[in-house]
């Protein structure tokens, strides 16, 4: 798990994502999962992250949480991210979000939290940070 919730601009988030994508590859058995924490009071950020994410190295799945998730969803679909690679968990409890992520993860996954620390990001970062296995320093 990589806590990039505080890296809330698209360029910083892209750099983190690409670094993780280079280290944790599908060839090595990793799924790459992005947790996008949206905030209704930050609509531009949600849209910008979606536009940027469409250009990143392969993301196996996006789990979209928080409020105002429709903004991310609309841009992501418009930019060609397949709908089957997006799970919207707006209104879900942290426990429900965690279960969804674990179901998507399989045996090995690189999970990156991004976009906003407030509104659920902190709790997920704490949960996964306390349980993640770090194979080597990033």
Foldseek 3Di string as FASTA:
>chain_A
DAEAAVVAAQVVVQVVQQVVCVVADVVVVAAEEEEEEDEPVPLVSLLRNLLSVLPHPDHQAYEYEYPPNVSNVVNNVVSPDDPVRYHYQYPHDLVVSVVVCVVVTPPHYDYYYYNHCPGNNVVNCVVCVVPPDDPDDD
